[in-house]
Amino acid sequence: MKVIPIFFMACLISACSSNSNTETGDEYEYIETPTSDQIADLLDDDRDGVINARDLCPGTPQGSEIDNDGCGEYLKTSQEMQIRVLFANDSDEINPVFTQQLSELSEFLEEYPSTSIELQGYASRTGTAEHNLDLSKRRADNVRRVLLQNGISPNRVTIVGYGDTVLASTGTDETSHALNRRVTATVVGYKGEVKKEWTIFTTLPKS
């Protein structure tokens, strides 16, 4: 008589276990699978190989050598560019022949916004040292004014005047004097590798 109840109890336990598994399976089917939100920006707008989420220097010029943060390396030394504006004797006025070339210089600075530039003014030895120093500064300042008129930020362009202390030519003829009445430019520092350069010349006065 005791065998039947034991068998009956075993069936009940088995049935409960089966129902429990079935209910659990149904619950899993109705649980909504969570979806992860995409927080990081996986795009690479400047195409430098570093995604936007990790790029600390967006807008890097294409072809620049960059580090893991998407930034180009700073130059350790300044680089003098091939720019030369020549002036008439005892004058700080910029000849219109340089207008297009100075526009190209402005475009260069706009293309590389991390660039700053120093303009150096010079004079020939045809006047007093004090006068030539002032004249050289005014020449550099006038070139700076053109760059600012073209939209370049003032804090990116500095000037320095050397007067007649640094000569491009040591001769005493008119050609040598003309070469010494000049403004040159030096790129103080920039990111990446910039290969563009420009040259500004003018015709010398006829003898």
N, C-alpha and C. Protein backbone atom coordinates (compact mmCIF):
# COMPACT_ATOMS: atom_id res chain seq x y z
N MET A 1 0.82 -1.21 0.00
CA MET A 1 0.00 0.00 0.00
C MET A 1 0.86 1.27 0.00
N LYS A 2 2.06 1.19 0.55
CA LYS A 2 2.92 2.37 0.63
C LYS A 2 3.62 2.66 -0.69
N VAL A 3 3.63 1.70 -1.60
CA VAL A 3 4.34 1.89 -2.86
C VAL A 3 3.61 2.90 -3.74
N ILE A 4 2.30 2.84 -3.74
CA ILE A 4 1.51 3.71 -4.61
C ILE A 4 1.70 5.18 -4.25
N PRO A 5 1.57 5.56 -2.99
CA PRO A 5 1.78 6.99 -2.66
C PRO A 5 3.16 7.49 -3.05
N ILE A 6 4.18 6.64 -2.82
CA ILE A 6 5.54 7.07 -3.17
C ILE A 6 5.65 7.31 -4.67
N PHE A 7 5.09 6.41 -5.46
CA PHE A 7 5.12 6.56 -6.91
C PHE A 7 4.35 7.81 -7.34
N PHE A 8 3.21 8.05 -6.64
CA PHE A 8 2.40 9.21 -6.96
C PHE A 8 3.14 10.51 -6.66
N MET A 9 3.83 10.53 -5.54
CA MET A 9 4.62 11.71 -5.16
C MET A 9 5.74 11.95 -6.16
N ALA A 10 6.35 10.90 -6.65
CA ALA A 10 7.43 11.04 -7.63
C ALA A 10 6.92 11.66 -8.91
N CYS A 11 5.72 11.29 -9.31
CA CYS A 11 5.13 11.86 -10.52
C CYS A 11 4.84 13.34 -10.35
N LEU A 12 4.35 13.70 -9.16
CA LEU A 12 4.07 15.11 -8.91
C LEU A 12 5.33 15.96 -8.97
N ILE A 13 6.42 15.46 -8.38
CA ILE A 13 7.70 16.19 -8.39
C ILE A 13 8.20 16.36 -9.80
N SER A 14 8.08 15.30 -10.61
CA SER A 14 8.54 15.34 -11.99
C SER A 14 7.73 16.34 -12.80
N ALA A 15 6.42 16.38 -12.57
CA ALA A 15 5.54 17.29 -13.30
C ALA A 15 5.84 18.74 -12.94
N CYS A 16 6.09 18.99 -11.64
CA CYS A 16 6.40 20.36 -11.21
C CYS A 16 7.70 20.84 -11.82
N SER A 17 8.66 19.94 -11.86
CA SER A 17 9.95 20.31 -12.45
C SER A 17 9.81 20.64 -13.92
N SER A 18 8.97 19.87 -14.64
CA SER A 18 8.77 20.11 -16.07
C SER A 18 8.08 21.44 -16.31
N ASN A 19 7.05 21.74 -15.47
CA ASN A 19 6.33 22.99 -15.63
C ASN A 19 7.22 24.19 -15.32
N SER A 20 8.12 24.00 -14.32
CA SER A 20 9.02 25.10 -13.96
C SER A 20 9.95 25.44 -15.10
N ASN A 21 10.50 24.43 -15.78
CA ASN A 21 11.40 24.66 -16.90
C ASN A 21 10.68 25.34 -18.06
N THR A 22 9.42 24.91 -18.28
CA THR A 22 8.65 25.48 -19.38
C THR A 22 8.37 26.95 -19.14
N GLU A 23 7.98 27.26 -17.88
CA GLU A 23 7.68 28.64 -17.56
C GLU A 23 8.92 29.52 -17.69
N THR A 24 10.06 28.98 -17.22
CA THR A 24 11.31 29.75 -17.31
C THR A 24 11.67 30.04 -18.75
N GLY A 25 11.49 29.02 -19.63
CA GLY A 25 11.79 29.22 -21.04
C GLY A 25 10.90 30.27 -21.65
N ASP A 26 9.63 30.28 -21.29
CA ASP A 26 8.71 31.28 -21.81
C ASP A 26 9.11 32.68 -21.35
N GLU A 27 9.57 32.77 -20.10
CA GLU A 27 9.97 34.07 -19.58
C GLU A 27 11.14 34.64 -20.38
N TYR A 28 12.12 33.79 -20.71
CA TYR A 28 13.27 34.25 -21.48
C TYR A 28 12.85 34.76 -22.86
N GLU A 29 11.83 34.11 -23.43
CA GLU A 29 11.38 34.54 -24.75
C GLU A 29 10.75 35.93 -24.70
N TYR A 30 10.16 36.29 -23.58
CA TYR A 30 9.48 37.57 -23.47
C TYR A 30 10.37 38.68 -22.91
N ILE A 31 11.58 38.33 -22.42
CA ILE A 31 12.49 39.35 -21.90
C ILE A 31 13.10 40.10 -23.07
N GLU A 32 12.98 41.42 -23.10
CA GLU A 32 13.52 42.24 -24.19
C GLU A 32 15.04 42.29 -24.11
N THR A 33 15.68 41.98 -25.21
CA THR A 33 17.14 42.01 -25.26
C THR A 33 17.62 43.45 -25.27
N PRO A 34 18.46 43.85 -24.29
CA PRO A 34 18.92 45.25 -24.25
C PRO A 34 19.84 45.56 -25.43
N THR A 35 19.75 46.78 -25.95
CA THR A 35 20.63 47.22 -27.05
C THR A 35 21.58 48.28 -26.52
N SER A 36 22.83 48.22 -26.95
CA SER A 36 23.84 49.17 -26.49
C SER A 36 23.76 50.45 -27.33
N ASP A 37 23.93 51.57 -26.66
CA ASP A 37 23.94 52.85 -27.34
C ASP A 37 25.34 53.14 -27.88
N GLN A 38 25.44 53.58 -29.14
CA GLN A 38 26.73 53.91 -29.75
C GLN A 38 27.12 55.32 -29.29
N ILE A 39 28.04 55.40 -28.35
CA ILE A 39 28.46 56.68 -27.81
C ILE A 39 29.63 57.25 -28.61
N ALA A 40 30.61 56.42 -28.91
CA ALA A 40 31.81 56.88 -29.61
C ALA A 40 31.52 57.16 -31.08
N ASP A 41 32.12 58.21 -31.60
CA ASP A 41 31.99 58.56 -33.01
C ASP A 41 33.06 57.81 -33.79
N LEU A 42 32.64 56.83 -34.56
CA LEU A 42 33.58 55.99 -35.29
C LEU A 42 33.94 56.55 -36.65
N LEU A 43 33.42 57.71 -36.99
CA LEU A 43 33.76 58.32 -38.27
C LEU A 43 35.16 58.92 -38.22
N ASP A 44 35.70 59.20 -39.38
CA ASP A 44 37.03 59.81 -39.49
C ASP A 44 36.94 60.94 -40.50
N ASP A 45 36.46 62.10 -40.04
CA ASP A 45 36.15 63.20 -40.96
C ASP A 45 37.37 63.72 -41.71
N ASP A 46 38.51 63.80 -41.04
CA ASP A 46 39.69 64.34 -41.72
C ASP A 46 40.54 63.27 -42.40
N ARG A 47 40.07 62.01 -42.32
CA ARG A 47 40.70 60.90 -43.03
C ARG A 47 42.18 60.75 -42.71
N ASP A 48 42.50 60.87 -41.43
CA ASP A 48 43.90 60.70 -41.03
C ASP A 48 44.16 59.34 -40.40
N GLY A 49 43.12 58.47 -40.39
CA GLY A 49 43.30 57.14 -39.84
C GLY A 49 42.95 57.04 -38.37
N VAL A 50 42.54 58.14 -37.74
CA VAL A 50 42.16 58.16 -36.33
C VAL A 50 40.70 58.59 -36.25
N ILE A 51 39.85 57.76 -35.61
CA ILE A 51 38.42 58.05 -35.55
C ILE A 51 38.18 59.34 -34.77
N ASN A 52 37.04 59.97 -35.03
CA ASN A 52 36.72 61.25 -34.41
C ASN A 52 36.74 61.17 -32.89
N ALA A 53 36.31 60.02 -32.34
CA ALA A 53 36.23 59.88 -30.89
C ALA A 53 37.59 59.99 -30.22
N ARG A 54 38.66 59.64 -30.95
CA ARG A 54 40.02 59.69 -30.38
C ARG A 54 40.87 60.79 -30.98
N ASP A 55 40.33 61.49 -31.98
CA ASP A 55 41.12 62.49 -32.70
C ASP A 55 41.17 63.80 -31.92
N LEU A 56 42.34 64.13 -31.39
CA LEU A 56 42.51 65.37 -30.63
C LEU A 56 42.82 66.56 -31.53
N CYS A 57 43.09 66.28 -32.81
CA CYS A 57 43.43 67.36 -33.75
C CYS A 57 42.60 67.20 -35.02
N PRO A 58 41.30 67.52 -34.96
CA PRO A 58 40.48 67.41 -36.17
C PRO A 58 40.95 68.39 -37.22
N GLY A 59 40.78 68.02 -38.48
CA GLY A 59 41.18 68.90 -39.56
C GLY A 59 42.64 68.80 -39.94
N THR A 60 43.29 67.71 -39.57
CA THR A 60 44.69 67.52 -39.94
C THR A 60 44.82 67.46 -41.46
N PRO A 61 45.76 68.23 -42.06
CA PRO A 61 45.94 68.18 -43.52
C PRO A 61 46.23 66.77 -43.99
N GLN A 62 45.61 66.35 -45.08
CA GLN A 62 45.84 65.02 -45.60
C GLN A 62 47.30 64.85 -46.00
N GLY A 63 47.86 63.70 -45.65
CA GLY A 63 49.25 63.43 -45.97
C GLY A 63 50.20 63.77 -44.84
N SER A 64 49.69 64.38 -43.76
CA SER A 64 50.56 64.74 -42.65
C SER A 64 50.92 63.50 -41.85
N GLU A 65 52.12 63.52 -41.27
CA GLU A 65 52.52 62.45 -40.38
C GLU A 65 51.91 62.73 -39.01
N ILE A 66 51.15 61.75 -38.47
CA ILE A 66 50.42 61.98 -37.23
C ILE A 66 50.80 60.96 -36.18
N ASP A 67 50.43 61.26 -34.91
CA ASP A 67 50.63 60.32 -33.83
C ASP A 67 49.31 59.60 -33.55
N ASN A 68 49.25 58.85 -32.43
CA ASN A 68 48.06 58.07 -32.12
C ASN A 68 46.84 58.93 -31.78
N ASP A 69 47.07 60.19 -31.48
CA ASP A 69 45.97 61.10 -31.16
C ASP A 69 45.48 61.86 -32.38
N GLY A 70 46.04 61.55 -33.56
CA GLY A 70 45.62 62.24 -34.77
C GLY A 70 46.25 63.60 -34.94
N CYS A 71 47.35 63.85 -34.24
CA CYS A 71 48.03 65.14 -34.31
C CYS A 71 49.38 65.00 -35.00
N GLY A 72 49.72 66.02 -35.78
CA GLY A 72 51.03 66.05 -36.39
C GLY A 72 52.07 66.48 -35.37
N GLU A 73 53.30 66.17 -35.64
CA GLU A 73 54.37 66.53 -34.72
C GLU A 73 54.77 67.99 -34.92
N TYR A 74 55.04 68.66 -33.81
CA TYR A 74 55.51 70.04 -33.90
C TYR A 74 56.94 70.06 -34.40
N LEU A 75 57.22 71.02 -35.27
CA LEU A 75 58.59 71.20 -35.71
C LEU A 75 59.43 71.70 -34.55
N LYS A 76 60.63 71.21 -34.42
CA LYS A 76 61.52 71.64 -33.35
C LYS A 76 62.26 72.92 -33.71
N THR A 77 62.31 73.24 -34.98
CA THR A 77 63.00 74.45 -35.41
C THR A 77 62.08 75.24 -36.33
N SER A 78 62.31 76.53 -36.38
CA SER A 78 61.54 77.37 -37.29
C SER A 78 62.08 77.19 -38.69
N GLN A 79 61.28 77.53 -39.65
CA GLN A 79 61.65 77.35 -41.05
C GLN A 79 61.41 78.64 -41.81
N GLU A 80 62.44 79.14 -42.47
CA GLU A 80 62.29 80.35 -43.26
C GLU A 80 61.71 80.01 -44.62
N MET A 81 60.65 80.68 -44.98
CA MET A 81 60.00 80.42 -46.25
C MET A 81 60.57 81.34 -47.32
N GLN A 82 60.37 80.97 -48.55
CA GLN A 82 60.88 81.75 -49.67
C GLN A 82 59.90 82.87 -50.02
N ILE A 83 59.84 83.85 -49.17
CA ILE A 83 59.00 85.01 -49.44
C ILE A 83 59.87 86.26 -49.32
N ARG A 84 59.78 87.13 -50.28
CA ARG A 84 60.57 88.36 -50.26
C ARG A 84 59.79 89.46 -50.96
N VAL A 85 59.52 90.52 -50.23
CA VAL A 85 58.85 91.69 -50.78
C VAL A 85 59.88 92.81 -50.84
N LEU A 86 60.09 93.34 -52.02
CA LEU A 86 61.08 94.40 -52.20
C LEU A 86 60.40 95.76 -52.26
N PHE A 87 61.09 96.78 -51.78
CA PHE A 87 60.52 98.12 -51.69
C PHE A 87 61.38 99.13 -52.44
N ALA A 88 60.76 100.24 -52.77
CA ALA A 88 61.50 101.34 -53.39
C ALA A 88 62.34 102.03 -52.32
N ASN A 89 63.28 102.84 -52.74
CA ASN A 89 64.16 103.53 -51.81
C ASN A 89 63.37 104.44 -50.86
N ASP A 90 63.65 104.30 -49.56
CA ASP A 90 63.04 105.13 -48.51
C ASP A 90 61.52 105.07 -48.55
N SER A 91 60.96 103.91 -48.88
CA SER A 91 59.51 103.75 -48.97
C SER A 91 59.06 102.50 -48.24
N ASP A 92 57.86 102.57 -47.65
CA ASP A 92 57.26 101.39 -47.01
C ASP A 92 56.00 100.94 -47.74
N GLU A 93 55.73 101.52 -48.91
CA GLU A 93 54.56 101.15 -49.68
C GLU A 93 54.81 99.85 -50.45
N ILE A 94 53.79 98.98 -50.44
CA ILE A 94 53.91 97.68 -51.11
C ILE A 94 53.51 97.83 -52.57
N ASN A 95 54.38 97.41 -53.44
CA ASN A 95 54.11 97.48 -54.87
C ASN A 95 52.94 96.56 -55.21
N PRO A 96 51.97 97.01 -56.03
CA PRO A 96 50.82 96.17 -56.40
C PRO A 96 51.22 94.83 -57.02
N VAL A 97 52.45 94.71 -57.50
CA VAL A 97 52.86 93.46 -58.10
C VAL A 97 52.83 92.32 -57.09
N PHE A 98 52.85 92.66 -55.79
CA PHE A 98 52.87 91.62 -54.76
C PHE A 98 51.48 91.22 -54.27
N THR A 99 50.43 91.86 -54.76
CA THR A 99 49.08 91.61 -54.25
C THR A 99 48.68 90.14 -54.36
N GLN A 100 48.87 89.55 -55.53
CA GLN A 100 48.48 88.16 -55.73
C GLN A 100 49.29 87.21 -54.87
N GLN A 101 50.60 87.47 -54.77
CA GLN A 101 51.45 86.60 -53.97
C GLN A 101 51.10 86.67 -52.49
N LEU A 102 50.77 87.85 -52.01
CA LEU A 102 50.38 87.97 -50.60
C LEU A 102 49.03 87.31 -50.35
N SER A 103 48.18 87.29 -51.36
CA SER A 103 46.91 86.56 -51.24
C SER A 103 47.17 85.07 -51.10
N GLU A 104 48.14 84.56 -51.84
CA GLU A 104 48.50 83.15 -51.74
C GLU A 104 49.09 82.84 -50.37
N LEU A 105 49.86 83.78 -49.82
CA LEU A 105 50.39 83.60 -48.48
C LEU A 105 49.26 83.53 -47.46
N SER A 106 48.26 84.37 -47.63
CA SER A 106 47.10 84.36 -46.74
C SER A 106 46.36 83.03 -46.84
N GLU A 107 46.21 82.51 -48.04
CA GLU A 107 45.54 81.22 -48.23
C GLU A 107 46.33 80.11 -47.55
N PHE A 108 47.64 80.21 -47.61
CA PHE A 108 48.49 79.23 -46.94
C PHE A 108 48.22 79.23 -45.44
N LEU A 109 48.16 80.41 -44.84
CA LEU A 109 47.92 80.52 -43.41
C LEU A 109 46.53 80.03 -43.04
N GLU A 110 45.56 80.23 -43.91
CA GLU A 110 44.21 79.74 -43.65
C GLU A 110 44.15 78.22 -43.74
N GLU A 111 44.92 77.66 -44.65
CA GLU A 111 44.91 76.21 -44.83
C GLU A 111 45.57 75.50 -43.66
N TYR A 112 46.53 76.15 -43.03
CA TYR A 112 47.23 75.57 -41.89
C TYR A 112 47.03 76.47 -40.67
N PRO A 113 45.89 76.33 -39.99
CA PRO A 113 45.53 77.26 -38.91
C PRO A 113 46.44 77.20 -37.70
N SER A 114 47.27 76.15 -37.57
CA SER A 114 48.20 76.08 -36.44
C SER A 114 49.48 76.83 -36.72
N THR A 115 49.58 77.44 -37.89
CA THR A 115 50.78 78.15 -38.28
C THR A 115 50.79 79.57 -37.74
N SER A 116 51.94 80.02 -37.29
CA SER A 116 52.15 81.43 -36.99
C SER A 116 53.36 81.89 -37.79
N ILE A 117 53.41 83.16 -38.09
CA ILE A 117 54.45 83.64 -38.99
C ILE A 117 55.08 84.92 -38.45
N GLU A 118 56.37 85.05 -38.68
CA GLU A 118 57.10 86.25 -38.28
C GLU A 118 57.60 86.96 -39.53
N LEU A 119 57.31 88.24 -39.63
CA LEU A 119 57.74 89.05 -40.76
C LEU A 119 58.95 89.88 -40.34
N GLN A 120 60.02 89.78 -41.12
CA GLN A 120 61.25 90.52 -40.82
C GLN A 120 61.46 91.62 -41.85
N GLY A 121 61.59 92.84 -41.36
CA GLY A 121 61.81 93.97 -42.25
C GLY A 121 63.27 94.40 -42.25
N TYR A 122 63.73 94.85 -43.42
CA TYR A 122 65.14 95.26 -43.58
C TYR A 122 65.20 96.56 -44.38
N ALA A 123 66.36 97.17 -44.36
CA ALA A 123 66.59 98.40 -45.12
C ALA A 123 68.01 98.38 -45.68
N SER A 124 68.21 99.20 -46.69
CA SER A 124 69.56 99.33 -47.27
C SER A 124 70.32 100.41 -46.51
N ARG A 125 71.63 100.43 -46.67
CA ARG A 125 72.46 101.40 -45.95
C ARG A 125 72.58 102.70 -46.74
N THR A 126 71.47 103.36 -46.89
CA THR A 126 71.47 104.64 -47.60
C THR A 126 70.97 105.77 -46.71
N GLY A 127 70.80 105.52 -45.43
CA GLY A 127 70.35 106.53 -44.48
C GLY A 127 70.95 106.26 -43.13
N THR A 128 70.47 106.95 -42.10
CA THR A 128 70.98 106.72 -40.76
C THR A 128 70.45 105.39 -40.21
N ALA A 129 71.17 104.82 -39.26
CA ALA A 129 70.77 103.54 -38.67
C ALA A 129 69.41 103.66 -37.99
N GLU A 130 69.17 104.77 -37.30
CA GLU A 130 67.90 104.97 -36.62
C GLU A 130 66.75 105.04 -37.61
N HIS A 131 66.95 105.79 -38.67
CA HIS A 131 65.90 105.91 -39.70
C HIS A 131 65.64 104.57 -40.36
N ASN A 132 66.69 103.83 -40.66
CA ASN A 132 66.53 102.54 -41.34
C ASN A 132 65.83 101.51 -40.46
N LEU A 133 66.08 101.57 -39.15
CA LEU A 133 65.41 100.65 -38.24
C LEU A 133 63.91 100.92 -38.23
N ASP A 134 63.53 102.18 -38.14
CA ASP A 134 62.11 102.53 -38.17
C ASP A 134 61.48 102.16 -39.51
N LEU A 135 62.20 102.41 -40.59
CA LEU A 135 61.69 102.09 -41.93
C LEU A 135 61.47 100.59 -42.09
N SER A 136 62.39 99.79 -41.58
CA SER A 136 62.27 98.33 -41.71
C SER A 136 61.05 97.81 -40.94
N LYS A 137 60.76 98.40 -39.79
CA LYS A 137 59.59 97.99 -39.01
C LYS A 137 58.30 98.37 -39.74
N ARG A 138 58.28 99.54 -40.34
CA ARG A 138 57.08 99.98 -41.05
C ARG A 138 56.82 99.11 -42.28
N ARG A 139 57.88 98.67 -42.93
CA ARG A 139 57.72 97.78 -44.08
C ARG A 139 57.10 96.45 -43.66
N ALA A 140 57.61 95.89 -42.58
CA ALA A 140 57.06 94.62 -42.09
C ALA A 140 55.61 94.80 -41.62
N ASP A 141 55.33 95.93 -40.98
CA ASP A 141 53.98 96.18 -40.48
C ASP A 141 52.99 96.33 -41.62
N ASN A 142 53.40 96.92 -42.72
CA ASN A 142 52.49 97.07 -43.86
C ASN A 142 52.17 95.72 -44.50
N VAL A 143 53.14 94.83 -44.54
CA VAL A 143 52.86 93.48 -45.04
C VAL A 143 51.89 92.78 -44.09
N ARG A 144 52.08 92.99 -42.79
CA ARG A 144 51.18 92.41 -41.80
C ARG A 144 49.76 92.93 -41.99
N ARG A 145 49.62 94.22 -42.28
CA ARG A 145 48.29 94.80 -42.49
C ARG A 145 47.56 94.12 -43.65
N VAL A 146 48.29 93.79 -44.69
CA VAL A 146 47.68 93.11 -45.84
C VAL A 146 47.16 91.74 -45.41
N LEU A 147 47.95 91.02 -44.63
CA LEU A 147 47.53 89.69 -44.17
C LEU A 147 46.28 89.79 -43.29
N LEU A 148 46.25 90.80 -42.43
CA LEU A 148 45.07 90.97 -41.56
C LEU A 148 43.84 91.34 -42.37
N GLN A 149 44.02 92.16 -43.40
CA GLN A 149 42.90 92.51 -44.28
C GLN A 149 42.38 91.29 -45.02
N ASN A 150 43.23 90.30 -45.20
CA ASN A 150 42.83 89.06 -45.87
C ASN A 150 42.24 88.05 -44.90
N GLY A 151 42.03 88.46 -43.65
CA GLY A 151 41.34 87.60 -42.69
C GLY A 151 42.22 86.83 -41.74
N ILE A 152 43.53 87.06 -41.75
CA ILE A 152 44.42 86.35 -40.84
C ILE A 152 44.35 86.99 -39.46
N SER A 153 44.30 86.15 -38.41
CA SER A 153 44.20 86.65 -37.05
C SER A 153 45.46 87.41 -36.65
N PRO A 154 45.32 88.56 -35.98
CA PRO A 154 46.48 89.37 -35.60
C PRO A 154 47.49 88.64 -34.73
N ASN A 155 47.01 87.73 -33.86
CA ASN A 155 47.94 87.05 -32.97
C ASN A 155 48.77 85.98 -33.66
N ARG A 156 48.56 85.79 -34.96
CA ARG A 156 49.35 84.80 -35.71
C ARG A 156 50.48 85.45 -36.50
N VAL A 157 50.52 86.76 -36.52
CA VAL A 157 51.52 87.46 -37.34
C VAL A 157 52.27 88.46 -36.46
N THR A 158 53.56 88.27 -36.32
CA THR A 158 54.40 89.21 -35.58
C THR A 158 55.42 89.84 -36.52
N ILE A 159 55.95 90.98 -36.12
CA ILE A 159 56.93 91.67 -36.96
C ILE A 159 58.17 91.99 -36.15
N VAL A 160 59.28 92.13 -36.85
CA VAL A 160 60.53 92.55 -36.24
C VAL A 160 61.31 93.33 -37.29
N GLY A 161 61.95 94.40 -36.88
CA GLY A 161 62.74 95.20 -37.80
C GLY A 161 64.22 95.08 -37.51
N TYR A 162 65.00 94.88 -38.57
CA TYR A 162 66.45 94.74 -38.42
C TYR A 162 67.22 95.94 -38.96
N GLY A 163 66.51 96.90 -39.51
CA GLY A 163 67.20 98.05 -40.07
C GLY A 163 68.15 97.63 -41.17
N ASP A 164 69.38 98.17 -41.11
CA ASP A 164 70.39 97.82 -42.12
C ASP A 164 71.47 96.91 -41.55
N THR A 165 71.13 96.18 -40.46
CA THR A 165 72.13 95.35 -39.79
C THR A 165 72.31 93.99 -40.46
N VAL A 166 71.33 93.54 -41.22
CA VAL A 166 71.42 92.24 -41.90
C VAL A 166 71.17 92.48 -43.38
N LEU A 167 72.22 92.37 -44.17
CA LEU A 167 72.12 92.68 -45.60
C LEU A 167 72.04 91.41 -46.44
N ALA A 168 71.19 91.45 -47.45
CA ALA A 168 71.13 90.35 -48.41
C ALA A 168 72.27 90.45 -49.40
N SER A 169 72.72 91.67 -49.63
CA SER A 169 73.84 91.91 -50.55
C SER A 169 74.71 93.02 -49.95
N THR A 170 76.01 92.82 -49.96
CA THR A 170 76.92 93.80 -49.36
C THR A 170 77.44 94.83 -50.35
N GLY A 171 76.98 94.77 -51.58
CA GLY A 171 77.43 95.73 -52.59
C GLY A 171 76.88 97.12 -52.34
N THR A 172 77.44 98.09 -53.04
CA THR A 172 77.00 99.48 -52.89
C THR A 172 76.26 100.00 -54.13
N ASP A 173 76.03 99.13 -55.10
CA ASP A 173 75.32 99.52 -56.31
C ASP A 173 73.81 99.48 -56.07
N GLU A 174 73.05 100.00 -57.03
CA GLU A 174 71.60 100.09 -56.87
C GLU A 174 70.95 98.72 -56.76
N THR A 175 71.46 97.74 -57.48
CA THR A 175 70.89 96.39 -57.40
C THR A 175 71.03 95.84 -55.99
N SER A 176 72.17 96.00 -55.38
CA SER A 176 72.38 95.53 -54.01
C SER A 176 71.46 96.25 -53.04
N HIS A 177 71.33 97.56 -53.18
CA HIS A 177 70.43 98.32 -52.31
C HIS A 177 68.99 97.83 -52.47
N ALA A 178 68.57 97.54 -53.70
CA ALA A 178 67.20 97.08 -53.94
C ALA A 178 66.95 95.73 -53.27
N LEU A 179 67.94 94.85 -53.28
CA LEU A 179 67.79 93.55 -52.65
C LEU A 179 67.71 93.66 -51.13
N ASN A 180 68.30 94.70 -50.58
CA ASN A 180 68.30 94.89 -49.12
C ASN A 180 67.03 95.54 -48.61
N ARG A 181 66.29 96.20 -49.47
CA ARG A 181 65.02 96.83 -49.07
C ARG A 181 63.91 95.78 -49.20
N ARG A 182 63.71 95.01 -48.15
CA ARG A 182 62.89 93.80 -48.29
C ARG A 182 62.16 93.46 -46.99
N VAL A 183 61.19 92.55 -47.13
CA VAL A 183 60.53 91.89 -46.00
C VAL A 183 60.52 90.40 -46.29
N THR A 184 61.00 89.62 -45.35
CA THR A 184 60.98 88.16 -45.48
C THR A 184 60.08 87.59 -44.39
N ALA A 185 59.77 86.30 -44.49
CA ALA A 185 58.87 85.68 -43.52
C ALA A 185 59.45 84.36 -43.03
N THR A 186 59.20 84.07 -41.76
CA THR A 186 59.61 82.81 -41.16
C THR A 186 58.41 82.16 -40.49
N VAL A 187 58.16 80.90 -40.81
CA VAL A 187 57.12 80.14 -40.13
C VAL A 187 57.68 79.69 -38.79
N VAL A 188 57.05 80.15 -37.72
CA VAL A 188 57.58 79.91 -36.38
C VAL A 188 57.39 78.46 -35.96
N GLY A 189 56.28 77.85 -36.31
CA GLY A 189 56.04 76.46 -35.95
C GLY A 189 54.70 76.01 -36.46
N TYR A 190 54.56 74.74 -36.80
CA TYR A 190 53.29 74.25 -37.27
C TYR A 190 53.22 72.75 -37.08
N LYS A 191 52.03 72.19 -37.20
CA LYS A 191 51.81 70.76 -37.06
C LYS A 191 51.85 70.10 -38.42
N GLY A 192 52.32 68.89 -38.43
CA GLY A 192 52.33 68.13 -39.68
C GLY A 192 53.47 68.54 -40.58
N GLU A 193 53.48 68.01 -41.74
CA GLU A 193 54.53 68.28 -42.70
C GLU A 193 53.94 69.14 -43.82
N VAL A 194 54.35 70.39 -43.87
CA VAL A 194 53.84 71.32 -44.86
C VAL A 194 54.90 71.53 -45.92
N LYS A 195 54.61 71.13 -47.12
CA LYS A 195 55.59 71.21 -48.18
C LYS A 195 55.40 72.43 -49.07
N LYS A 196 54.27 73.11 -48.90
CA LYS A 196 54.00 74.25 -49.76
C LYS A 196 54.93 75.41 -49.41
N GLU A 197 55.37 76.12 -50.40
CA GLU A 197 56.17 77.31 -50.19
C GLU A 197 55.91 78.28 -51.32
N TRP A 198 56.30 79.50 -51.15
CA TRP A 198 56.03 80.50 -52.15
C TRP A 198 57.22 81.44 -52.25
N THR A 199 57.33 82.09 -53.36
CA THR A 199 58.41 83.03 -53.61
C THR A 199 57.83 84.32 -54.15
N ILE A 200 58.24 85.44 -53.62
CA ILE A 200 57.76 86.73 -54.09
C ILE A 200 58.96 87.57 -54.53
N PHE A 201 58.98 87.92 -55.77
CA PHE A 201 60.04 88.75 -56.31
C PHE A 201 59.42 89.92 -57.06
N THR A 202 60.20 90.88 -57.40
CA THR A 202 59.76 91.98 -58.24
C THR A 202 60.90 92.36 -59.17
N THR A 203 60.58 93.15 -60.16
CA THR A 203 61.63 93.58 -61.09
C THR A 203 62.43 94.71 -60.47
N LEU A 204 63.71 94.69 -60.66
CA LEU A 204 64.57 95.74 -60.14
C LEU A 204 64.50 96.96 -61.05
N PRO A 205 64.70 98.14 -60.50
CA PRO A 205 64.65 99.34 -61.34
C PRO A 205 65.75 99.34 -62.39
N LYS A 206 65.42 99.87 -63.56
CA LYS A 206 66.42 99.91 -64.62
C LYS A 206 67.50 100.93 -64.28
N SER A 207 68.73 100.59 -64.58
CA SER A 207 69.84 101.49 -64.29
C SER A 207 69.96 102.56 -65.36
